Amino acid sequence: MIYKINSEAVGFIVYALHLGEKLSLGEFAETKEMDVLQVVKLMASEGGFQAEPKDALAFFLFEDRAKAFVNVLQVV
């Protein structure tokens, strides 16, 4: 799994790529064998929100929070 953080005008969007494809929140949870609620709780604990694009994982106002979220996902 590869994680990509894109800088946008209003914050930072985290994408999860698996086999070259961007995963939605549901697809990500399924791939990681996690419950969607579990992923959302991790996202919220780092100050994130569900991302607007369907092929994105999370949205953060600050880059350091986006990086912290990615770090947590890499451990899980």
PDB file of N, CA and C in Angstrom:
ATOM      1  N   MET A   1       0.847  -1.168   0.000  1.00  0.00           N
ATOM      2  CA  MET A   1       0.000   0.000   0.000  1.00  0.00           C
ATOM      3  C   MET A   1       0.891   1.229   0.000  1.00  0.00           C
ATOM      4  N   ILE A   2       0.561   2.151  -0.866  1.00  0.00           N
ATOM      5  CA  ILE A   2       1.288   3.411  -0.962  1.00  0.00           C
ATOM      6  C   ILE A   2       0.340   4.526  -0.557  1.00  0.00           C
ATOM      7  N   TYR A   3       0.828   5.460   0.250  1.00  0.00           N
ATOM      8  CA  TYR A   3       0.035   6.599   0.680  1.00  0.00           C
ATOM      9  C   TYR A   3       0.591   7.858   0.039  1.00  0.00           C
ATOM     10  N   LYS A   4      -0.308   8.698  -0.445  1.00  0.00           N
ATOM     11  CA  LYS A   4       0.095   9.942  -1.100  1.00  0.00           C
ATOM     12  C   LYS A   4      -0.680  11.091  -0.467  1.00  0.00           C
ATOM     13  N   ILE A   5       0.034  12.153  -0.123  1.00  0.00           N
ATOM     14  CA  ILE A   5      -0.603  13.340   0.447  1.00  0.00           C
ATOM     15  C   ILE A   5      -0.527  14.451  -0.592  1.00  0.00           C
ATOM     16  N   ASN A   6      -1.698  14.926  -1.018  1.00  0.00           N
ATOM     17  CA  ASN A   6      -1.763  16.015  -1.998  1.00  0.00           C
ATOM     18  C   ASN A   6      -2.095  17.316  -1.287  1.00  0.00           C
ATOM     19  N   SER A   7      -1.324  18.344  -1.573  1.00  0.00           N
ATOM     20  CA  SER A   7      -1.603  19.670  -1.040  1.00  0.00           C
ATOM     21  C   SER A   7      -2.675  20.324  -1.902  1.00  0.00           C
ATOM     22  N   GLU A   8      -3.750  20.758  -1.263  1.00  0.00           N
ATOM     23  CA  GLU A   8      -4.835  21.449  -1.953  1.00  0.00           C
ATOM     24  C   GLU A   8      -4.929  22.864  -1.384  1.00  0.00           C
ATOM     25  N   ALA A   9      -5.716  23.702  -2.008  1.00  0.00           N
ATOM     26  CA  ALA A   9      -5.842  25.096  -1.565  1.00  0.00           C
ATOM     27  C   ALA A   9      -6.362  25.203  -0.131  1.00  0.00           C
ATOM     28  N   VAL A  10      -7.174  24.265   0.288  1.00  0.00           N
ATOM     29  CA  VAL A  10      -7.801  24.357   1.618  1.00  0.00           C
ATOM     30  C   VAL A  10      -7.279  23.330   2.613  1.00  0.00           C
ATOM     31  N   GLY A  11      -6.320  22.519   2.238  1.00  0.00           N
ATOM     32  CA  GLY A  11      -5.796  21.512   3.156  1.00  0.00           C
ATOM     33  C   GLY A  11      -5.048  20.415   2.423  1.00  0.00           C
ATOM     34  N   PHE A  12      -5.072  19.227   3.010  1.00  0.00           N
ATOM     35  CA  PHE A  12      -4.295  18.108   2.477  1.00  0.00           C
ATOM     36  C   PHE A  12      -5.181  16.869   2.364  1.00  0.00           C
ATOM     37  N   ILE A  13      -5.120  16.221   1.224  1.00  0.00           N
ATOM     38  CA  ILE A  13      -5.914  15.018   0.983  1.00  0.00           C
ATOM     39  C   ILE A  13      -4.981  13.813   0.952  1.00  0.00           C
ATOM     40  N   VAL A  14      -5.359  12.778   1.688  1.00  0.00           N
ATOM     41  CA  VAL A  14      -4.583  11.539   1.736  1.00  0.00           C
ATOM     42  C   VAL A  14      -5.237  10.527   0.798  1.00  0.00           C
ATOM     43  N   TYR A  15      -4.419   9.963  -0.074  1.00  0.00           N
ATOM     44  CA  TYR A  15      -4.859   8.899  -0.978  1.00  0.00           C
ATOM     45  C   TYR A  15      -4.133   7.616  -0.598  1.00  0.00           C
ATOM     46  N   ALA A  16      -4.818   6.511  -0.743  1.00  0.00           N
ATOM     47  CA  ALA A  16      -4.204   5.196  -0.559  1.00  0.00           C
ATOM     48  C   ALA A  16      -4.218   4.513  -1.920  1.00  0.00           C
ATOM     49  N   LEU A  17      -3.056   4.088  -2.379  1.00  0.00           N
ATOM     50  CA  LEU A  17      -2.969   3.418  -3.668  1.00  0.00           C
ATOM     51  C   LEU A  17      -2.595   1.957  -3.459  1.00  0.00           C
ATOM     52  N   HIS A  18      -3.341   1.095  -4.131  1.00  0.00           N
ATOM     53  CA  HIS A  18      -3.089  -0.341  -4.066  1.00  0.00           C
ATOM     54  C   HIS A  18      -3.113  -0.869  -5.493  1.00  0.00           C
ATOM     55  N   LEU A  19      -2.026  -1.482  -5.899  1.00  0.00           N
ATOM     56  CA  LEU A  19      -1.886  -1.986  -7.271  1.00  0.00           C
ATOM     57  C   LEU A  19      -2.132  -0.873  -8.290  1.00  0.00           C
ATOM     58  N   GLY A  20      -1.665   0.341  -7.957  1.00  0.00           N
ATOM     59  CA  GLY A  20      -1.753   1.467  -8.875  1.00  0.00           C
ATOM     60  C   GLY A  20      -3.087   2.183  -8.905  1.00  0.00           C
ATOM     61  N   GLU A  21      -4.055   1.762  -8.102  1.00  0.00           N
ATOM     62  CA  GLU A  21      -5.378   2.386  -8.102  1.00  0.00           C
ATOM     63  C   GLU A  21      -5.648   3.081  -6.781  1.00  0.00           C
ATOM     64  N   LYS A  22      -6.267   4.259  -6.855  1.00  0.00           N
ATOM     65  CA  LYS A  22      -6.669   4.979  -5.654  1.00  0.00           C
ATOM     66  C   LYS A  22      -7.890   4.283  -5.053  1.00  0.00           C
ATOM     67  N   LEU A  23      -7.861   4.092  -3.739  1.00  0.00           N
ATOM     68  CA  LEU A  23      -8.932   3.394  -3.055  1.00  0.00           C
ATOM     69  C   LEU A  23      -9.866   4.362  -2.337  1.00  0.00           C
ATOM     70  N   SER A  24     -11.153   4.057  -2.379  1.00  0.00           N
ATOM     71  CA  SER A  24     -12.115   4.804  -1.570  1.00  0.00           C
ATOM     72  C   SER A  24     -11.961   4.345  -0.125  1.00  0.00           C
ATOM     73  N   LEU A  25     -12.635   5.005   0.780  1.00  0.00           N
ATOM     74  CA  LEU A  25     -12.571   4.635   2.190  1.00  0.00           C
ATOM     75  C   LEU A  25     -12.998   3.183   2.397  1.00  0.00           C
ATOM     76  N   GLY A  26     -14.099   2.782   1.771  1.00  0.00           N
ATOM     77  CA  GLY A  26     -14.588   1.409   1.888  1.00  0.00           C
ATOM     78  C   GLY A  26     -13.633   0.394   1.295  1.00  0.00           C
ATOM     79  N   GLU A  27     -13.086   0.709   0.140  1.00  0.00           N
ATOM     80  CA  GLU A  27     -12.131  -0.199  -0.502  1.00  0.00           C
ATOM     81  C   GLU A  27     -10.864  -0.334   0.331  1.00  0.00           C
ATOM     82  N   PHE A  28     -10.420   0.792   0.915  1.00  0.00           N
ATOM     83  CA  PHE A  28      -9.239   0.763   1.764  1.00  0.00           C
ATOM     84  C   PHE A  28      -9.478  -0.144   2.971  1.00  0.00           C
ATOM     85  N   ALA A  29     -10.600   0.059   3.634  1.00  0.00           N
ATOM     86  CA  ALA A  29     -10.912  -0.745   4.821  1.00  0.00           C
ATOM     87  C   ALA A  29     -10.958  -2.225   4.468  1.00  0.00           C
ATOM     88  N   GLU A  30     -11.560  -2.548   3.350  1.00  0.00           N
ATOM     89  CA  GLU A  30     -11.647  -3.948   2.908  1.00  0.00           C
ATOM     90  C   GLU A  30     -10.260  -4.524   2.626  1.00  0.00           C
ATOM     91  N   THR A  31      -9.426  -3.760   1.952  1.00  0.00           N
ATOM     92  CA  THR A  31      -8.071  -4.211   1.615  1.00  0.00           C
ATOM     93  C   THR A  31      -7.238  -4.445   2.865  1.00  0.00           C
ATOM     94  N   LYS A  32      -7.390  -3.554   3.866  1.00  0.00           N
ATOM     95  CA  LYS A  32      -6.624  -3.662   5.111  1.00  0.00           C
ATOM     96  C   LYS A  32      -7.309  -4.585   6.126  1.00  0.00           C
ATOM     97  N   GLU A  33      -8.449  -5.155   5.740  1.00  0.00           N
ATOM     98  CA  GLU A  33      -9.245  -6.009   6.629  1.00  0.00           C
ATOM     99  C   GLU A  33      -9.576  -5.281   7.925  1.00  0.00           C
ATOM    100  N   MET A  34     -10.050  -4.048   7.770  1.00  0.00           N
ATOM    101  CA  MET A  34     -10.465  -3.211   8.891  1.00  0.00           C
ATOM    102  C   MET A  34     -11.932  -2.838   8.702  1.00  0.00           C
ATOM    103  N   ASP A  35     -12.565  -2.456   9.785  1.00  0.00           N
ATOM    104  CA  ASP A  35     -13.915  -1.920   9.730  1.00  0.00           C
ATOM    105  C   ASP A  35     -13.803  -0.452   9.317  1.00  0.00           C
ATOM    106  N   VAL A  36     -14.727   0.038   8.501  1.00  0.00           N
ATOM    107  CA  VAL A  36     -14.703   1.438   8.065  1.00  0.00           C
ATOM    108  C   VAL A  36     -14.717   2.357   9.287  1.00  0.00           C
ATOM    109  N   LEU A  37     -15.511   2.010  10.289  1.00  0.00           N
ATOM    110  CA  LEU A  37     -15.582   2.826  11.494  1.00  0.00           C
ATOM    111  C   LEU A  37     -14.227   2.913  12.193  1.00  0.00           C
ATOM    112  N   GLN A  38     -13.475   1.837  12.157  1.00  0.00           N
ATOM    113  CA  GLN A  38     -12.128   1.814  12.742  1.00  0.00           C
ATOM    114  C   GLN A  38     -11.226   2.834  12.038  1.00  0.00           C
ATOM    115  N   VAL A  39     -11.298   2.883  10.718  1.00  0.00           N
ATOM    116  CA  VAL A  39     -10.484   3.836   9.937  1.00  0.00           C
ATOM    117  C   VAL A  39     -10.928   5.260  10.240  1.00  0.00           C
ATOM    118  N   VAL A  40     -12.239   5.474  10.313  1.00  0.00           N
ATOM    119  CA  VAL A  40     -12.770   6.807  10.587  1.00  0.00           C
ATOM    120  C   VAL A  40     -12.357   7.281  11.985  1.00  0.00           C
ATOM    121  N   LYS A  41     -12.331   6.380  12.948  1.00  0.00           N
ATOM    122  CA  LYS A  41     -11.883   6.747  14.303  1.00  0.00           C
ATOM    123  C   LYS A  41     -10.417   7.153  14.295  1.00  0.00           C
ATOM    124  N   LEU A  42      -9.586   6.443  13.543  1.00  0.00           N
ATOM    125  CA  LEU A  42      -8.173   6.820  13.423  1.00  0.00           C
ATOM    126  C   LEU A  42      -8.040   8.194  12.761  1.00  0.00           C
ATOM    127  N   MET A  43      -8.851   8.401  11.738  1.00  0.00           N
ATOM    128  CA  MET A  43      -8.847   9.675  11.019  1.00  0.00           C
ATOM    129  C   MET A  43      -9.224  10.807  11.975  1.00  0.00           C
ATOM    130  N   ALA A  44     -10.294  10.617  12.716  1.00  0.00           N
ATOM    131  CA  ALA A  44     -10.772  11.649  13.636  1.00  0.00           C
ATOM    132  C   ALA A  44      -9.774  11.910  14.765  1.00  0.00           C
ATOM    133  N   SER A  45      -9.103  10.868  15.221  1.00  0.00           N
ATOM    134  CA  SER A  45      -8.138  11.043  16.307  1.00  0.00           C
ATOM    135  C   SER A  45      -6.957  11.911  15.884  1.00  0.00           C
ATOM    136  N   GLU A  46      -6.699  11.990  14.578  1.00  0.00           N
ATOM    137  CA  GLU A  46      -5.627  12.838  14.053  1.00  0.00           C
ATOM    138  C   GLU A  46      -6.152  14.176  13.535  1.00  0.00           C
ATOM    139  N   GLY A  47      -7.452  14.428  13.730  1.00  0.00           N
ATOM    140  CA  GLY A  47      -8.032  15.706  13.322  1.00  0.00           C
ATOM    141  C   GLY A  47      -8.485  15.747  11.879  1.00  0.00           C
ATOM    142  N   GLY A  48      -8.803  14.598  11.318  1.00  0.00           N
ATOM    143  CA  GLY A  48      -9.184  14.535   9.914  1.00  0.00           C
ATOM    144  C   GLY A  48     -10.670  14.383   9.687  1.00  0.00           C
ATOM    145  N   PHE A  49     -11.039  14.461   8.423  1.00  0.00           N
ATOM    146  CA  PHE A  49     -12.426  14.356   7.982  1.00  0.00           C
ATOM    147  C   PHE A  49     -12.476  13.426   6.780  1.00  0.00           C
ATOM    148  N   GLN A  50     -13.659  12.930   6.476  1.00  0.00           N
ATOM    149  CA  GLN A  50     -13.814  12.128   5.274  1.00  0.00           C
ATOM    150  C   GLN A  50     -13.573  13.040   4.076  1.00  0.00           C
ATOM    151  N   ALA A  51     -12.815  12.563   3.137  1.00  0.00           N
ATOM    152  CA  ALA A  51     -12.441  13.372   1.967  1.00  0.00           C
ATOM    153  C   ALA A  51     -13.601  13.518   1.001  1.00  0.00           C
ATOM    154  N   GLU A  52     -13.641  14.623   0.298  1.00  0.00           N
ATOM    155  CA  GLU A  52     -14.682  14.887  -0.694  1.00  0.00           C
ATOM    156  C   GLU A  52     -14.558  13.988  -1.927  1.00  0.00           C
ATOM    157  N   PRO A  53     -13.359  13.853  -2.515  1.00  0.00           N
ATOM    158  CA  PRO A  53     -13.270  12.950  -3.677  1.00  0.00           C
ATOM    159  C   PRO A  53     -13.531  11.512  -3.247  1.00  0.00           C
ATOM    160  N   LYS A  54     -14.277  10.777  -4.046  1.00  0.00           N
ATOM    161  CA  LYS A  54     -14.615   9.391  -3.700  1.00  0.00           C
ATOM    162  C   LYS A  54     -13.408   8.471  -3.702  1.00  0.00           C
ATOM    163  N   ASP A  55     -12.362   8.839  -4.437  1.00  0.00           N
ATOM    164  CA  ASP A  55     -11.179   7.979  -4.504  1.00  0.00           C
ATOM    165  C   ASP A  55     -10.093   8.428  -3.521  1.00  0.00           C
ATOM    166  N   ALA A  56     -10.483   9.224  -2.532  1.00  0.00           N
ATOM    167  CA  ALA A  56      -9.543   9.687  -1.514  1.00  0.00           C
ATOM    168  C   ALA A  56      -9.912   9.087  -0.168  1.00  0.00           C
ATOM    169  N   LEU A  57      -8.944   9.056   0.712  1.00  0.00           N
ATOM    170  CA  LEU A  57      -9.138   8.438   2.012  1.00  0.00           C
ATOM    171  C   LEU A  57      -9.543   9.448   3.084  1.00  0.00           C
ATOM    172  N   ALA A  58      -8.836  10.559   3.190  1.00  0.00           N
ATOM    173  CA  ALA A  58      -9.092  11.506   4.270  1.00  0.00           C
ATOM    174  C   ALA A  58      -8.658  12.914   3.887  1.00  0.00           C
ATOM    175  N   PHE A  59      -9.204  13.884   4.614  1.00  0.00           N
ATOM    176  CA  PHE A  59      -8.870  15.289   4.413  1.00  0.00           C
ATOM    177  C   PHE A  59      -8.387  15.878   5.736  1.00  0.00           C
ATOM    178  N   PHE A  60      -7.320  16.649   5.684  1.00  0.00           N
ATOM    179  CA  PHE A  60      -6.759  17.293   6.873  1.00  0.00           C
ATOM    180  C   PHE A  60      -6.467  18.754   6.565  1.00  0.00           C
ATOM    181  N   LEU A  61      -6.626  19.600   7.556  1.00  0.00           N
ATOM    182  CA  LEU A  61      -6.306  21.011   7.381  1.00  0.00           C
ATOM    183  C   LEU A  61      -4.806  21.249   7.407  1.00  0.00           C
ATOM    184  N   PHE A  62      -4.075  20.387   8.138  1.00  0.00           N
ATOM    185  CA  PHE A  62      -2.641  20.586   8.300  1.00  0.00           C
ATOM    186  C   PHE A  62      -1.857  19.360   7.846  1.00  0.00           C
ATOM    187  N   GLU A  63      -0.737  19.608   7.200  1.00  0.00           N
ATOM    188  CA  GLU A  63       0.084  18.530   6.655  1.00  0.00           C
ATOM    189  C   GLU A  63       0.625  17.605   7.742  1.00  0.00           C
ATOM    190  N   ASP A  64       0.996  18.153   8.887  1.00  0.00           N
ATOM    191  CA  ASP A  64       1.537  17.299   9.944  1.00  0.00           C
ATOM    192  C   ASP A  64       0.502  16.295  10.448  1.00  0.00           C
ATOM    193  N   ARG A  65      -0.759  16.661  10.448  1.00  0.00           N
ATOM    194  CA  ARG A  65      -1.827  15.746  10.865  1.00  0.00           C
ATOM    195  C   ARG A  65      -2.045  14.673   9.802  1.00  0.00           C
ATOM    196  N   ALA A  66      -1.943  15.053   8.529  1.00  0.00           N
ATOM    197  CA  ALA A  66      -2.062  14.080   7.442  1.00  0.00           C
ATOM    198  C   ALA A  66      -0.933  13.055   7.531  1.00  0.00           C
ATOM    199  N   LYS A  67       0.283  13.540   7.796  1.00  0.00           N
ATOM    200  CA  LYS A  67       1.431  12.635   7.930  1.00  0.00           C
ATOM    201  C   LYS A  67       1.274  11.723   9.142  1.00  0.00           C
ATOM    202  N   ALA A  68       0.749  12.257  10.248  1.00  0.00           N
ATOM    203  CA  ALA A  68       0.533  11.444  11.445  1.00  0.00           C
ATOM    204  C   ALA A  68      -0.477  10.338  11.164  1.00  0.00           C
ATOM    205  N   PHE A  69      -1.526  10.651  10.416  1.00  0.00           N
ATOM    206  CA  PHE A  69      -2.535   9.657  10.038  1.00  0.00           C
ATOM    207  C   PHE A  69      -1.906   8.551   9.195  1.00  0.00           C
ATOM    208  N   VAL A  70      -1.106   8.922   8.218  1.00  0.00           N
ATOM    209  CA  VAL A  70      -0.427   7.936   7.376  1.00  0.00           C
ATOM    210  C   VAL A  70       0.489   7.058   8.223  1.00  0.00           C
ATOM    211  N   ASN A  71       1.208   7.664   9.162  1.00  0.00           N
ATOM    212  CA  ASN A  71       2.080   6.886  10.038  1.00  0.00           C
ATOM    213  C   ASN A  71       1.313   5.848  10.845  1.00  0.00           C
ATOM    214  N   VAL A  72       0.135   6.231  11.344  1.00  0.00           N
ATOM    215  CA  VAL A  72      -0.709   5.295  12.096  1.00  0.00           C
ATOM    216  C   VAL A  72      -1.154   4.146  11.184  1.00  0.00           C
ATOM    217  N   LEU A  73      -1.538   4.467   9.957  1.00  0.00           N
ATOM    218  CA  LEU A  73      -2.020   3.426   9.022  1.00  0.00           C
ATOM    219  C   LEU A  73      -0.913   2.454   8.657  1.00  0.00           C
ATOM    220  N   GLN A  74       0.308   2.923   8.604  1.00  0.00           N
ATOM    221  CA  GLN A  74       1.417   2.044   8.231  1.00  0.00           C
ATOM    222  C   GLN A  74       1.709   1.034   9.341  1.00  0.00           C
ATOM    223  N   VAL A  75       1.340   1.362  10.559  1.00  0.00           N
ATOM    224  CA  VAL A  75       1.570   0.460  11.700  1.00  0.00           C
ATOM    225  C   VAL A  75       0.454  -0.565  11.815  1.00  0.00           C
ATOM    226  N   VAL A  76      -0.767  -0.158  11.459  1.00  0.00           N
ATOM    227  CA  VAL A  76      -1.936  -1.037  11.606  1.00  0.00           C
ATOM    228  C   VAL A  76      -1.868  -2.193  10.642  1.00  0.00           C
TER     229      VAL A  76
END
